[in-house]
PDB file of N, CA and C in Angstrom:
ATOM      1  N   MET A   1       0.845  -1.157  -0.210  1.00  0.00           N
ATOM      2  CA  MET A   1      -0.036  -0.051  -0.047  1.00  0.00           C
ATOM      3  C   MET A   1       0.809   1.312   0.008  1.00  0.00           C
ATOM      4  N   ASP A   2       2.077   1.191  -0.041  1.00  0.00           N
ATOM      5  CA  ASP A   2       3.191   2.171  -0.163  1.00  0.00           C
ATOM      6  C   ASP A   2       2.983   3.092  -1.421  1.00  0.00           C
ATOM      7  N   GLU A   3       2.447   2.401  -2.425  1.00  0.00           N
ATOM      8  CA  GLU A   3       2.393   3.226  -3.755  1.00  0.00           C
ATOM      9  C   GLU A   3       0.959   3.882  -4.141  1.00  0.00           C
ATOM     10  N   TYR A   4       0.796   4.800  -4.415  1.00  0.00           N
ATOM     11  CA  TYR A   4      -0.404   5.558  -4.917  1.00  0.00           C
ATOM     12  C   TYR A   4      -1.218   4.850  -5.907  1.00  0.00           C
ATOM     13  N   ASP A   5      -2.187   4.706  -5.564  1.00  0.00           N
ATOM     14  CA  ASP A   5      -3.311   3.948  -6.566  1.00  0.00           C
ATOM     15  C   ASP A   5      -3.708   5.016  -7.654  1.00  0.00           C
ATOM     16  N   THR A   6      -3.022   4.966  -8.936  1.00  0.00           N
ATOM     17  CA  THR A   6      -3.428   6.111 -10.018  1.00  0.00           C
ATOM     18  C   THR A   6      -4.315   5.565 -10.857  1.00  0.00           C
ATOM     19  N   ASP A   7      -5.001   4.329 -10.619  1.00  0.00           N
ATOM     20  CA  ASP A   7      -5.832   3.938 -11.900  1.00  0.00           C
ATOM     21  C   ASP A   7      -6.848   4.872 -12.408  1.00  0.00           C
ATOM     22  N   ASN A   8      -7.412   5.707 -11.694  1.00  0.00           N
ATOM     23  CA  ASN A   8      -8.321   6.679 -12.074  1.00  0.00           C
ATOM     24  C   ASN A   8      -7.631   7.780 -12.664  1.00  0.00           C
ATOM     25  N   ILE A   9      -6.684   8.244 -12.582  1.00  0.00           N
ATOM     26  CA  ILE A   9      -6.055   9.616 -13.069  1.00  0.00           C
ATOM     27  C   ILE A   9      -4.769   9.502 -13.501  1.00  0.00           C
ATOM     28  N   HIS A  10      -4.224   8.083 -13.815  1.00  0.00           N
ATOM     29  CA  HIS A  10      -2.596   8.126 -14.280  1.00  0.00           C
ATOM     30  C   HIS A  10      -2.448   8.751 -15.557  1.00  0.00           C
ATOM     31  N   LEU A  11      -3.378   9.049 -16.277  1.00  0.00           N
ATOM     32  CA  LEU A  11      -3.105   9.684 -17.639  1.00  0.00           C
ATOM     33  C   LEU A  11      -2.839  11.196 -17.546  1.00  0.00           C
ATOM     34  N   SER A  12      -3.470  11.736 -16.381  1.00  0.00           N
ATOM     35  CA  SER A  12      -3.452  13.090 -16.158  1.00  0.00           C
ATOM     36  C   SER A  12      -2.398  13.836 -15.368  1.00  0.00           C
ATOM     37  N   ILE A  13      -1.564  12.678 -14.593  1.00  0.00           N
ATOM     38  CA  ILE A  13      -0.565  13.355 -13.655  1.00  0.00           C
ATOM     39  C   ILE A  13       0.508  13.866 -14.340  1.00  0.00           C
ATOM     40  N   LYS A  14       0.819  14.936 -13.880  1.00  0.00           N
ATOM     41  CA  LYS A  14       2.219  15.640 -14.454  1.00  0.00           C
ATOM     42  C   LYS A  14       3.252  15.357 -13.398  1.00  0.00           C
ATOM     43  N   GLU A  15       3.148  15.513 -12.037  1.00  0.00           N
ATOM     44  CA  GLU A  15       4.093  15.509 -10.931  1.00  0.00           C
ATOM     45  C   GLU A  15       3.673  14.861  -9.714  1.00  0.00           C
ATOM     46  N   ILE A  16       4.528  14.012  -8.981  1.00  0.00           N
ATOM     47  CA  ILE A  16       3.908  13.600  -7.708  1.00  0.00           C
ATOM     48  C   ILE A  16       5.196  13.966  -6.680  1.00  0.00           C
ATOM     49  N   HIS A  17       4.825  14.478  -5.830  1.00  0.00           N
ATOM     50  CA  HIS A  17       6.178  14.693  -4.840  1.00  0.00           C
ATOM     51  C   HIS A  17       5.591  14.072  -3.510  1.00  0.00           C
ATOM     52  N   ARG A  18       6.557  13.228  -3.059  1.00  0.00           N
ATOM     53  CA  ARG A  18       6.101  12.260  -1.782  1.00  0.00           C
ATOM     54  C   ARG A  18       7.116  12.819  -0.878  1.00  0.00           C
ATOM     55  N   ILE A  19       6.712  13.059   0.353  1.00  0.00           N
ATOM     56  CA  ILE A  19       7.404  13.424   1.642  1.00  0.00           C
ATOM     57  C   ILE A  19       6.944  12.582   2.582  1.00  0.00           C
ATOM     58  N   VAL A  20       8.087  11.672   3.142  1.00  0.00           N
ATOM     59  CA  VAL A  20       7.630  11.064   4.279  1.00  0.00           C
ATOM     60  C   VAL A  20       7.934  11.650   5.639  1.00  0.00           C
ATOM     61  N   SER A  21       6.879  12.097   6.392  1.00  0.00           N
ATOM     62  CA  SER A  21       6.954  12.693   7.817  1.00  0.00           C
ATOM     63  C   SER A  21       7.530  11.867   9.095  1.00  0.00           C
ATOM     64  N   SER A  22       7.045  10.593   8.755  1.00  0.00           N
ATOM     65  CA  SER A  22       7.513   9.724  10.108  1.00  0.00           C
ATOM     66  C   SER A  22       7.392   8.140   9.583  1.00  0.00           C
ATOM     67  N   ASP A  23       8.282   7.451   9.739  1.00  0.00           N
ATOM     68  CA  ASP A  23       8.245   6.085   9.488  1.00  0.00           C
ATOM     69  C   ASP A  23       9.045   5.304  10.553  1.00  0.00           C
ATOM     70  N   HIS A  24       8.209   4.693  11.517  1.00  0.00           N
ATOM     71  CA  HIS A  24       8.624   3.838  12.632  1.00  0.00           C
ATOM     72  C   HIS A  24       8.227   2.331  12.397  1.00  0.00           C
ATOM     73  N   THR A  25       9.242   1.612  13.045  1.00  0.00           N
ATOM     74  CA  THR A  25       9.101   0.148  12.799  1.00  0.00           C
ATOM     75  C   THR A  25       9.424  -0.628  14.147  1.00  0.00           C
ATOM     76  N   LEU A  26       8.820  -1.575  14.393  1.00  0.00           N
ATOM     77  CA  LEU A  26       9.174  -2.098  15.717  1.00  0.00           C
ATOM     78  C   LEU A  26       9.065  -3.681  15.333  1.00  0.00           C
ATOM     79  N   LYS A  27       9.897  -4.361  15.832  1.00  0.00           N
ATOM     80  CA  LYS A  27       9.719  -5.991  15.749  1.00  0.00           C
ATOM     81  C   LYS A  27       9.535  -6.575  17.072  1.00  0.00           C
ATOM     82  N   ILE A  28       8.404  -7.165  17.189  1.00  0.00           N
ATOM     83  CA  ILE A  28       8.089  -8.174  18.404  1.00  0.00           C
ATOM     84  C   ILE A  28       8.210  -9.524  18.056  1.00  0.00           C
ATOM     85  N   GLY A  29       9.110 -10.296  18.589  1.00  0.00           N
ATOM     86  CA  GLY A  29       9.278 -11.925  18.022  1.00  0.00           C
ATOM     87  C   GLY A  29       9.394 -11.976  16.553  1.00  0.00           C
ATOM     88  N   SER A  30       8.404 -12.385  16.032  1.00  0.00           N
ATOM     89  CA  SER A  30       8.720 -12.513  14.069  1.00  0.00           C
ATOM     90  C   SER A  30       7.594 -11.562  13.687  1.00  0.00           C
ATOM     91  N   VAL A  31       6.796 -10.715  14.567  1.00  0.00           N
ATOM     92  CA  VAL A  31       5.989  -9.846  13.844  1.00  0.00           C
ATOM     93  C   VAL A  31       6.532  -8.316  13.774  1.00  0.00           C
ATOM     94  N   LEU A  32       6.405  -7.765  12.643  1.00  0.00           N
ATOM     95  CA  LEU A  32       7.088  -6.243  12.373  1.00  0.00           C
ATOM     96  C   LEU A  32       5.662  -5.481  12.426  1.00  0.00           C
ATOM     97  N   TYR A  33       5.854  -4.507  13.219  1.00  0.00           N
ATOM     98  CA  TYR A  33       5.091  -3.182  13.543  1.00  0.00           C
ATOM     99  C   TYR A  33       5.527  -2.055  12.809  1.00  0.00           C
ATOM    100  N   ARG A  34       4.630  -1.253  11.790  1.00  0.00           N
ATOM    101  CA  ARG A  34       5.308  -0.284  11.182  1.00  0.00           C
ATOM    102  C   ARG A  34       4.151   0.931  11.092  1.00  0.00           C
ATOM    103  N   GLU A  35       4.581   2.140  11.196  1.00  0.00           N
ATOM    104  CA  GLU A  35       3.653   3.312  11.166  1.00  0.00           C
ATOM    105  C   GLU A  35       4.569   4.293  10.327  1.00  0.00           C
ATOM    106  N   LEU A  36       3.522   4.604   9.199  1.00  0.00           N
ATOM    107  CA  LEU A  36       3.933   5.353   8.218  1.00  0.00           C
ATOM    108  C   LEU A  36       3.224   6.706   7.967  1.00  0.00           C
ATOM    109  N   LYS A  37       3.702   7.829   8.060  1.00  0.00           N
ATOM    110  CA  LYS A  37       3.117   8.984   7.870  1.00  0.00           C
ATOM    111  C   LYS A  37       3.596   9.708   6.662  1.00  0.00           C
ATOM    112  N   GLU A  38       2.779  10.113   5.578  1.00  0.00           N
ATOM    113  CA  GLU A  38       3.526  10.653   4.439  1.00  0.00           C
ATOM    114  C   GLU A  38       2.480  11.619   3.787  1.00  0.00           C
ATOM    115  N   VAL A  39       3.034  12.625   3.087  1.00  0.00           N
ATOM    116  CA  VAL A  39       2.363  13.591   2.249  1.00  0.00           C
ATOM    117  C   VAL A  39       2.679  13.602   0.836  1.00  0.00           C
ATOM    118  N   LYS A  40       1.541  13.650  -0.057  1.00  0.00           N
ATOM    119  CA  LYS A  40       1.852  13.354  -1.509  1.00  0.00           C
ATOM    120  C   LYS A  40       1.372  14.758  -2.081  1.00  0.00           C
ATOM    121  N   GLN A  41       1.847  15.137  -2.898  1.00  0.00           N
ATOM    122  CA  GLN A  41       1.407  16.507  -3.644  1.00  0.00           C
ATOM    123  C   GLN A  41       1.495  16.059  -5.111  1.00  0.00           C
ATOM    124  N   ILE A  42       0.291  16.162  -5.521  1.00  0.00           N
ATOM    125  CA  ILE A  42       0.090  15.750  -6.962  1.00  0.00           C
ATOM    126  C   ILE A  42      -0.384  16.825  -7.799  1.00  0.00           C
ATOM    127  N   THR A  43       0.213  17.144  -8.807  1.00  0.00           N
ATOM    128  CA  THR A  43      -0.025  18.369  -9.925  1.00  0.00           C
ATOM    129  C   THR A  43      -0.653  17.212 -11.104  1.00  0.00           C
ATOM    130  N   LYS A  44      -1.783  17.730 -11.565  1.00  0.00           N
ATOM    131  CA  LYS A  44      -2.181  17.088 -12.890  1.00  0.00           C
ATOM    132  C   LYS A  44      -1.751  17.927 -14.246  1.00  0.00           C
ATOM    133  N   SER A  45      -2.114  17.473 -15.203  1.00  0.00           N
ATOM    134  CA  SER A  45      -1.820  18.197 -16.365  1.00  0.00           C
ATOM    135  C   SER A  45      -2.575  19.441 -16.642  1.00  0.00           C
ATOM    136  N   ASP A  46      -3.620  19.445 -15.963  1.00  0.00           N
ATOM    137  CA  ASP A  46      -4.321  20.585 -16.141  1.00  0.00           C
ATOM    138  C   ASP A  46      -3.897  21.603 -14.918  1.00  0.00           C
ATOM    139  N   SER A  47      -3.123  21.699 -14.227  1.00  0.00           N
ATOM    140  CA  SER A  47      -2.491  22.295 -13.285  1.00  0.00           C
ATOM    141  C   SER A  47      -3.335  22.287 -11.954  1.00  0.00           C
ATOM    142  N   VAL A  48      -4.104  21.409 -11.726  1.00  0.00           N
ATOM    143  CA  VAL A  48      -4.989  21.086 -10.619  1.00  0.00           C
ATOM    144  C   VAL A  48      -3.915  20.479  -9.557  1.00  0.00           C
ATOM    145  N   ARG A  49      -4.145  20.937  -8.454  1.00  0.00           N
ATOM    146  CA  ARG A  49      -3.296  20.331  -7.459  1.00  0.00           C
ATOM    147  C   ARG A  49      -4.081  19.601  -6.508  1.00  0.00           C
ATOM    148  N   ALA A  50      -3.366  18.591  -5.991  1.00  0.00           N
ATOM    149  CA  ALA A  50      -4.148  17.837  -4.895  1.00  0.00           C
ATOM    150  C   ALA A  50      -3.064  17.336  -3.741  1.00  0.00           C
ATOM    151  N   ILE A  51      -3.551  17.318  -2.591  1.00  0.00           N
ATOM    152  CA  ILE A  51      -2.550  16.711  -1.516  1.00  0.00           C
ATOM    153  C   ILE A  51      -3.291  15.692  -0.783  1.00  0.00           C
ATOM    154  N   HIS A  52      -2.555  14.640  -0.552  1.00  0.00           N
ATOM    155  CA  HIS A  52      -2.860  13.518   0.029  1.00  0.00           C
ATOM    156  C   HIS A  52      -1.991  13.229   1.170  1.00  0.00           C
ATOM    157  N   LEU A  53      -2.717  13.168   2.386  1.00  0.00           N
ATOM    158  CA  LEU A  53      -2.227  12.848   3.638  1.00  0.00           C
ATOM    159  C   LEU A  53      -2.398  11.487   4.030  1.00  0.00           C
ATOM    160  N   ILE A  54      -1.482  10.645   4.151  1.00  0.00           N
ATOM    161  CA  ILE A  54      -1.546   9.201   4.218  1.00  0.00           C
ATOM    162  C   ILE A  54      -1.033   8.633   5.701  1.00  0.00           C
ATOM    163  N   HIS A  55      -1.709   8.049   6.431  1.00  0.00           N
ATOM    164  CA  HIS A  55      -1.216   7.575   7.410  1.00  0.00           C
ATOM    165  C   HIS A  55      -1.433   5.995   7.511  1.00  0.00           C
ATOM    166  N   SER A  56      -0.329   5.279   7.477  1.00  0.00           N
ATOM    167  CA  SER A  56      -0.459   3.786   7.414  1.00  0.00           C
ATOM    168  C   SER A  56       0.110   3.272   8.864  1.00  0.00           C
ATOM    169  N   ARG A  57      -0.710   2.055   9.221  1.00  0.00           N
ATOM    170  CA  ARG A  57      -0.457   1.309  10.233  1.00  0.00           C
ATOM    171  C   ARG A  57      -0.015  -0.290   9.679  1.00  0.00           C
ATOM    172  N   ALA A  58       0.509  -1.077  10.089  1.00  0.00           N
ATOM    173  CA  ALA A  58       0.950  -2.411   9.603  1.00  0.00           C
ATOM    174  C   ALA A  58       1.402  -3.268  10.680  1.00  0.00           C
ATOM    175  N   ILE A  59       0.706  -4.480  10.813  1.00  0.00           N
ATOM    176  CA  ILE A  59       1.095  -5.387  11.575  1.00  0.00           C
ATOM    177  C   ILE A  59       1.346  -6.550  10.872  1.00  0.00           C
ATOM    178  N   GLY A  60       2.626  -7.129  10.636  1.00  0.00           N
ATOM    179  CA  GLY A  60       2.796  -8.186   9.880  1.00  0.00           C
ATOM    180  C   GLY A  60       2.244  -8.003   8.187  1.00  0.00           C
ATOM    181  N   GLU A  61       1.514  -8.717   7.769  1.00  0.00           N
ATOM    182  CA  GLU A  61       0.929  -8.400   6.408  1.00  0.00           C
ATOM    183  C   GLU A  61      -0.577  -7.624   6.575  1.00  0.00           C
ATOM    184  N   LYS A  62      -0.807  -7.198   7.798  1.00  0.00           N
ATOM    185  CA  LYS A  62      -2.210  -6.712   7.720  1.00  0.00           C
ATOM    186  C   LYS A  62      -1.888  -5.046   7.723  1.00  0.00           C
ATOM    187  N   ILE A  63      -2.444  -4.263   6.866  1.00  0.00           N
ATOM    188  CA  ILE A  63      -2.299  -2.827   6.636  1.00  0.00           C
ATOM    189  C   ILE A  63      -3.570  -2.234   6.804  1.00  0.00           C
ATOM    190  N   TYR A  64      -3.618  -1.163   7.702  1.00  0.00           N
ATOM    191  CA  TYR A  64      -4.697  -0.086   7.970  1.00  0.00           C
ATOM    192  C   TYR A  64      -4.084   1.284   7.579  1.00  0.00           C
ATOM    193  N   GLN A  65      -4.811   1.826   6.567  1.00  0.00           N
ATOM    194  CA  GLN A  65      -4.589   2.915   6.115  1.00  0.00           C
ATOM    195  C   GLN A  65      -5.802   3.900   5.889  1.00  0.00           C
ATOM    196  N   ARG A  66      -5.321   5.238   6.593  1.00  0.00           N
ATOM    197  CA  ARG A  66      -6.269   6.467   6.363  1.00  0.00           C
ATOM    198  C   ARG A  66      -5.794   7.494   5.475  1.00  0.00           C
ATOM    199  N   ARG A  67      -6.598   7.766   4.200  1.00  0.00           N
ATOM    200  CA  ARG A  67      -6.234   8.760   3.232  1.00  0.00           C
ATOM    201  C   ARG A  67      -7.136   9.956   3.377  1.00  0.00           C
ATOM    202  N   LYS A  68      -6.501  10.994   3.448  1.00  0.00           N
ATOM    203  CA  LYS A  68      -7.300  12.447   3.452  1.00  0.00           C
ATOM    204  C   LYS A  68      -6.843  13.103   1.912  1.00  0.00           C
ATOM    205  N   GLU A  69      -7.772  13.382   1.217  1.00  0.00           N
ATOM    206  CA  GLU A  69      -7.585  13.893   0.023  1.00  0.00           C
ATOM    207  C   GLU A  69      -8.061  15.386  -0.169  1.00  0.00           C
ATOM    208  N   ILE A  70      -7.139  16.315  -0.290  1.00  0.00           N
ATOM    209  CA  ILE A  70      -7.647  17.674  -0.396  1.00  0.00           C
ATOM    210  C   ILE A  70      -7.030  18.272  -1.757  1.00  0.00           C
ATOM    211  N   CYS A  71      -8.363  18.362  -2.574  1.00  0.00           N
ATOM    212  CA  CYS A  71      -8.126  18.969  -3.923  1.00  0.00           C
ATOM    213  C   CYS A  71      -8.784  20.318  -4.210  1.00  0.00           C
ATOM    214  N   GLU A  72      -8.246  21.133  -4.862  1.00  0.00           N
ATOM    215  CA  GLU A  72      -8.753  22.442  -5.231  1.00  0.00           C
ATOM    216  C   GLU A  72     -10.232  22.346  -5.608  1.00  0.00           C
ATOM    217  N   ASP A  73     -11.113  23.368  -5.153  1.00  0.00           N
ATOM    218  CA  ASP A  73     -12.492  23.143  -5.392  1.00  0.00           C
ATOM    219  C   ASP A  73     -13.392  22.208  -5.363  1.00  0.00           C
ATOM    220  N   MET A  74     -12.930  21.184  -4.517  1.00  0.00           N
ATOM    221  CA  MET A  74     -13.482  19.838  -4.180  1.00  0.00           C
ATOM    222  C   MET A  74     -13.501  19.797  -2.676  1.00  0.00           C
ATOM    223  N   PRO A  75     -14.641  18.975  -2.277  1.00  0.00           N
ATOM    224  CA  PRO A  75     -14.795  18.613  -0.804  1.00  0.00           C
ATOM    225  C   PRO A  75     -13.683  17.594  -0.288  1.00  0.00           C
ATOM    226  N   ILE A  76     -13.398  17.865   1.007  1.00  0.00           N
ATOM    227  CA  ILE A  76     -12.200  16.796   1.474  1.00  0.00           C
ATOM    228  C   ILE A  76     -12.860  15.279   1.437  1.00  0.00           C
ATOM    229  N   ASN A  77     -11.830  14.666   1.141  1.00  0.00           N
ATOM    230  CA  ASN A  77     -12.431  13.048   0.984  1.00  0.00           C
ATOM    231  C   ASN A  77     -11.400  12.318   1.971  1.00  0.00           C
ATOM    232  N   VAL A  78     -12.047  11.861   2.995  1.00  0.00           N
ATOM    233  CA  VAL A  78     -11.451  10.802   3.866  1.00  0.00           C
ATOM    234  C   VAL A  78     -11.528   9.435   3.433  1.00  0.00           C
ATOM    235  N   MET A  79     -10.737   8.372   3.246  1.00  0.00           N
ATOM    236  CA  MET A  79     -11.050   7.061   2.975  1.00  0.00           C
ATOM    237  C   MET A  79     -10.108   6.153   3.870  1.00  0.00           C
ATOM    238  N   ASP A  80     -10.742   5.018   4.447  1.00  0.00           N
ATOM    239  CA  ASP A  80      -9.944   4.021   5.197  1.00  0.00           C
ATOM    240  C   ASP A  80      -9.892   2.915   4.190  1.00  0.00           C
ATOM    241  N   CYS A  81      -8.526   2.318   4.294  1.00  0.00           N
ATOM    242  CA  CYS A  81      -8.329   1.303   3.355  1.00  0.00           C
ATOM    243  C   CYS A  81      -7.605   0.064   4.280  1.00  0.00           C
ATOM    244  N   ILE A  82      -8.324  -1.204   4.169  1.00  0.00           N
ATOM    245  CA  ILE A  82      -7.710  -2.167   5.051  1.00  0.00           C
ATOM    246  C   ILE A  82      -7.409  -3.431   3.879  1.00  0.00           C
ATOM    247  N   ASN A  83      -6.570  -4.386   4.023  1.00  0.00           N
ATOM    248  CA  ASN A  83      -6.326  -5.670   3.373  1.00  0.00           C
ATOM    249  C   ASN A  83      -6.748  -6.734   4.254  1.00  0.00           C
ATOM    250  N   PHE A  84      -7.668  -6.625   5.275  1.00  0.00           N
ATOM    251  CA  PHE A  84      -8.165  -7.710   6.010  1.00  0.00           C
ATOM    252  C   PHE A  84      -9.533  -7.437   5.972  1.00  0.00           C
ATOM    253  N   ALA A  85     -10.461  -8.723   6.695  1.00  0.00           N
ATOM    254  CA  ALA A  85     -11.772  -8.481   7.078  1.00  0.00           C
ATOM    255  C   ALA A  85     -12.086  -7.056   7.878  1.00  0.00           C
ATOM    256  N   LYS A  86     -13.137  -6.664   7.755  1.00  0.00           N
ATOM    257  CA  LYS A  86     -13.609  -5.625   8.486  1.00  0.00           C
ATOM    258  C   LYS A  86     -13.891  -5.871   9.818  1.00  0.00           C
ATOM    259  N   GLU A  87     -14.115  -7.109  10.126  1.00  0.00           N
ATOM    260  CA  GLU A  87     -14.466  -7.638  11.410  1.00  0.00           C
ATOM    261  C   GLU A  87     -13.249  -7.760  12.253  1.00  0.00           C
ATOM    262  N   GLU A  88     -11.932  -7.864  11.634  1.00  0.00           N
ATOM    263  CA  GLU A  88     -10.704  -7.893  12.261  1.00  0.00           C
ATOM    264  C   GLU A  88     -10.200  -6.592  12.873  1.00  0.00           C
ATOM    265  N   LEU A  89     -10.940  -5.413  12.389  1.00  0.00           N
ATOM    266  CA  LEU A  89     -10.257  -4.173  12.551  1.00  0.00           C
ATOM    267  C   LEU A  89     -10.283  -3.795  14.098  1.00  0.00           C
ATOM    268  N   ASN A  90     -10.947  -4.285  15.005  1.00  0.00           N
ATOM    269  CA  ASN A  90     -11.142  -4.057  16.434  1.00  0.00           C
ATOM    270  C   ASN A  90      -9.849  -4.630  17.026  1.00  0.00           C
ATOM    271  N   ASP A  91      -9.589  -5.952  16.689  1.00  0.00           N
ATOM    272  CA  ASP A  91      -8.471  -6.645  17.006  1.00  0.00           C
ATOM    273  C   ASP A  91      -7.298  -6.117  16.678  1.00  0.00           C
ATOM    274  N   PHE A  92      -7.136  -5.640  15.381  1.00  0.00           N
ATOM    275  CA  PHE A  92      -5.953  -4.842  14.820  1.00  0.00           C
ATOM    276  C   PHE A  92      -5.659  -3.614  15.775  1.00  0.00           C
ATOM    277  N   GLU A  93      -6.593  -2.909  16.079  1.00  0.00           N
ATOM    278  CA  GLU A  93      -6.458  -1.683  16.716  1.00  0.00           C
ATOM    279  C   GLU A  93      -5.904  -2.063  18.190  1.00  0.00           C
ATOM    280  N   ARG A  94      -6.591  -2.919  18.710  1.00  0.00           N
ATOM    281  CA  ARG A  94      -6.289  -3.315  20.056  1.00  0.00           C
ATOM    282  C   ARG A  94      -4.674  -3.754  20.155  1.00  0.00           C
ATOM    283  N   ASP A  95      -4.384  -4.797  19.329  1.00  0.00           N
ATOM    284  CA  ASP A  95      -3.097  -5.195  19.026  1.00  0.00           C
ATOM    285  C   ASP A  95      -2.022  -3.947  19.110  1.00  0.00           C
ATOM    286  N   TRP A  96      -2.511  -3.005  18.120  1.00  0.00           N
ATOM    287  CA  TRP A  96      -1.604  -1.949  17.770  1.00  0.00           C
ATOM    288  C   TRP A  96      -1.475  -1.098  19.259  1.00  0.00           C
ATOM    289  N   ALA A  97      -2.406  -0.815  19.851  1.00  0.00           N
ATOM    290  CA  ALA A  97      -2.471  -0.167  21.061  1.00  0.00           C
ATOM    291  C   ALA A  97      -1.534  -0.717  22.118  1.00  0.00           C
ATOM    292  N   GLU A  98      -1.597  -2.084  22.204  1.00  0.00           N
ATOM    293  CA  GLU A  98      -1.000  -2.825  23.157  1.00  0.00           C
ATOM    294  C   GLU A  98       0.459  -2.895  22.827  1.00  0.00           C
ATOM    295  N   HIS A  99       0.710  -3.011  21.724  1.00  0.00           N
ATOM    296  CA  HIS A  99       2.257  -3.315  21.392  1.00  0.00           C
ATOM    297  C   HIS A  99       3.028  -2.026  20.721  1.00  0.00           C
ATOM    298  N   PHE A 100       2.767  -1.339  20.092  1.00  0.00           N
ATOM    299  CA  PHE A 100       3.335  -0.176  19.411  1.00  0.00           C
ATOM    300  C   PHE A 100       3.267   0.888  20.108  1.00  0.00           C
ATOM    301  N   HIS A 101       4.528   1.490  20.520  1.00  0.00           N
ATOM    302  CA  HIS A 101       4.521   2.691  21.185  1.00  0.00           C
ATOM    303  C   HIS A 101       5.836   3.503  20.731  1.00  0.00           C
ATOM    304  N   THR A 102       5.735   4.694  20.346  1.00  0.00           N
ATOM    305  CA  THR A 102       7.089   5.581  19.948  1.00  0.00           C
ATOM    306  C   THR A 102       7.003   6.876  21.076  1.00  0.00           C
ATOM    307  N   ASN A 103       8.129   6.697  21.661  1.00  0.00           N
ATOM    308  CA  ASN A 103       8.394   7.905  22.357  1.00  0.00           C
ATOM    309  C   ASN A 103       9.221   9.157  21.699  1.00  0.00           C
ATOM    310  N   ASN A 104       8.516   9.988  21.395  1.00  0.00           N
ATOM    311  CA  ASN A 104       9.048  10.842  20.415  1.00  0.00           C
ATOM    312  C   ASN A 104      10.076  11.783  21.057  1.00  0.00           C
ATOM    313  N   ASN A 105       9.891  12.087  22.347  1.00  0.00           N
ATOM    314  CA  ASN A 105      10.740  12.966  23.125  1.00  0.00           C
ATOM    315  C   ASN A 105      12.028  12.317  23.190  1.00  0.00           C
ATOM    316  N   GLU A 106      12.227  10.913  23.318  1.00  0.00           N
ATOM    317  CA  GLU A 106      13.299   9.967  23.512  1.00  0.00           C
ATOM    318  C   GLU A 106      13.971   9.975  22.228  1.00  0.00           C
ATOM    319  N   VAL A 107      13.230   9.857  21.216  1.00  0.00           N
ATOM    320  CA  VAL A 107      13.993   9.834  19.760  1.00  0.00           C
ATOM    321  C   VAL A 107      14.582  11.083  19.666  1.00  0.00           C
ATOM    322  N   ARG A 108      13.978  12.304  19.851  1.00  0.00           N
ATOM    323  CA  ARG A 108      14.223  13.803  19.579  1.00  0.00           C
ATOM    324  C   ARG A 108      15.652  13.991  20.453  1.00  0.00           C
ATOM    325  N   SER A 109      15.628  13.436  21.675  1.00  0.00           N
ATOM    326  CA  SER A 109      16.705  13.855  22.578  1.00  0.00           C
ATOM    327  C   SER A 109      18.074  12.882  22.025  1.00  0.00           C
ATOM    328  N   ARG A 110      17.970  11.937  21.381  1.00  0.00           N
ATOM    329  CA  ARG A 110      18.859  11.167  20.999  1.00  0.00           C
ATOM    330  C   ARG A 110      19.606  11.764  19.370  1.00  0.00           C
ATOM    331  N   LEU A 111      18.456  12.134  18.632  1.00  0.00           N
ATOM    332  CA  LEU A 111      18.974  12.704  17.605  1.00  0.00           C
ATOM    333  C   LEU A 111      19.481  14.170  17.467  1.00  0.00           C
ATOM    334  N   LEU A 112      18.856  15.070  18.185  1.00  0.00           N
ATOM    335  CA  LEU A 112      19.145  16.612  18.080  1.00  0.00           C
ATOM    336  C   LEU A 112      20.673  17.088  18.496  1.00  0.00           C
ATOM    337  N   PRO A 113      21.203  16.028  19.358  1.00  0.00           N
ATOM    338  CA  PRO A 113      22.838  16.360  19.921  1.00  0.00           C
ATOM    339  C   PRO A 113      23.506  16.181  18.543  1.00  0.00           C
ATOM    340  N   TRP A 114      23.243  15.029  17.696  1.00  0.00           N
ATOM    341  CA  TRP A 114      24.221  14.598  16.441  1.00  0.00           C
ATOM    342  C   TRP A 114      24.122  15.902  15.907  1.00  0.00           C
ATOM    343  N   ILE A 115      22.791  16.536  15.688  1.00  0.00           N
ATOM    344  CA  ILE A 115      22.793  17.722  14.440  1.00  0.00           C
ATOM    345  C   ILE A 115      23.543  18.784  15.049  1.00  0.00           C
ATOM    346  N   ASN A 116      23.156  19.108  16.091  1.00  0.00           N
ATOM    347  CA  ASN A 116      23.934  20.360  16.895  1.00  0.00           C
ATOM    348  C   ASN A 116      25.450  20.168  17.170  1.00  0.00           C
ATOM    349  N   ASN A 117      25.861  18.935  17.449  1.00  0.00           N
ATOM    350  CA  ASN A 117      27.332  18.677  18.045  1.00  0.00           C
ATOM    351  C   ASN A 117      28.281  17.854  17.291  1.00  0.00           C
ATOM    352  N   GLY A 118      27.300  16.841  16.509  1.00  0.00           N
ATOM    353  CA  GLY A 118      27.919  15.882  15.957  1.00  0.00           C
ATOM    354  C   GLY A 118      28.476  14.598  16.795  1.00  0.00           C
ATOM    355  N   VAL A 119      27.949  14.552  18.038  1.00  0.00           N
ATOM    356  CA  VAL A 119      28.252  13.586  18.836  1.00  0.00           C
ATOM    357  C   VAL A 119      27.066  12.971  19.628  1.00  0.00           C
ATOM    358  N   PRO A 120      26.820  11.705  19.686  1.00  0.00           N
ATOM    359  CA  PRO A 120      25.602  11.180  20.234  1.00  0.00           C
ATOM    360  C   PRO A 120      25.545  11.450  21.702  1.00  0.00           C
ATOM    361  N   ARG A 121      24.292  11.629  22.338  1.00  0.00           N
ATOM    362  CA  ARG A 121      24.376  11.667  23.752  1.00  0.00           C
ATOM    363  C   ARG A 121      24.169  10.346  24.405  1.00  0.00           C
ATOM    364  N   GLU A 122      24.535  10.293  25.589  1.00  0.00           N
ATOM    365  CA  GLU A 122      24.632   9.105  26.122  1.00  0.00           C
ATOM    366  C   GLU A 122      23.211   8.984  26.892  1.00  0.00           C
ATOM    367  N   THR A 123      22.434   7.917  26.660  1.00  0.00           N
ATOM    368  CA  THR A 123      21.202   7.750  27.312  1.00  0.00           C
ATOM    369  C   THR A 123      21.171   6.567  28.515  1.00  0.00           C
ATOM    370  N   GLY A 124      20.510   6.706  29.472  1.00  0.00           N
ATOM    371  CA  GLY A 124      20.557   5.922  30.549  1.00  0.00           C
ATOM    372  C   GLY A 124      19.555   6.527  31.834  1.00  0.00           C
ATOM    373  N   ASP A 125      19.514   5.949  32.691  1.00  0.00           N
ATOM    374  CA  ASP A 125      18.909   6.333  33.904  1.00  0.00           C
ATOM    375  C   ASP A 125      19.587   6.953  34.971  1.00  0.00           C
ATOM    376  N   ASN A 126      19.305   8.297  34.821  1.00  0.00           N
ATOM    377  CA  ASN A 126      20.077   9.082  35.854  1.00  0.00           C
ATOM    378  C   ASN A 126      19.401   9.456  37.103  1.00  0.00           C
TER     379      ASN A 126
END
């Protein structure tokens, strides 16, 4: 589901710019959890611009994706896409909440010193 489905507009697309704002993975046992947030700016040949905000969550092969499409002079369209049975969605969300956690402050505190000083900061319980 990483690729944008262009079946309906593939002939009229002039440019697609993709920006990944976050991409986190976590492996627990043999199961891979992944969260991906991205923005796609699409310019069609008629100069109409569209922005797609895409938030994907994957547990193993199961993918849950929410897309928000913003296009000039059109109402905002929100779509949920899953590649598994709709009845499994509650279990998917429960499993996600139980296992996948990212601590953005912890990640930020490790990365920012590298940017500022070029030296990673030691982490630990102080």
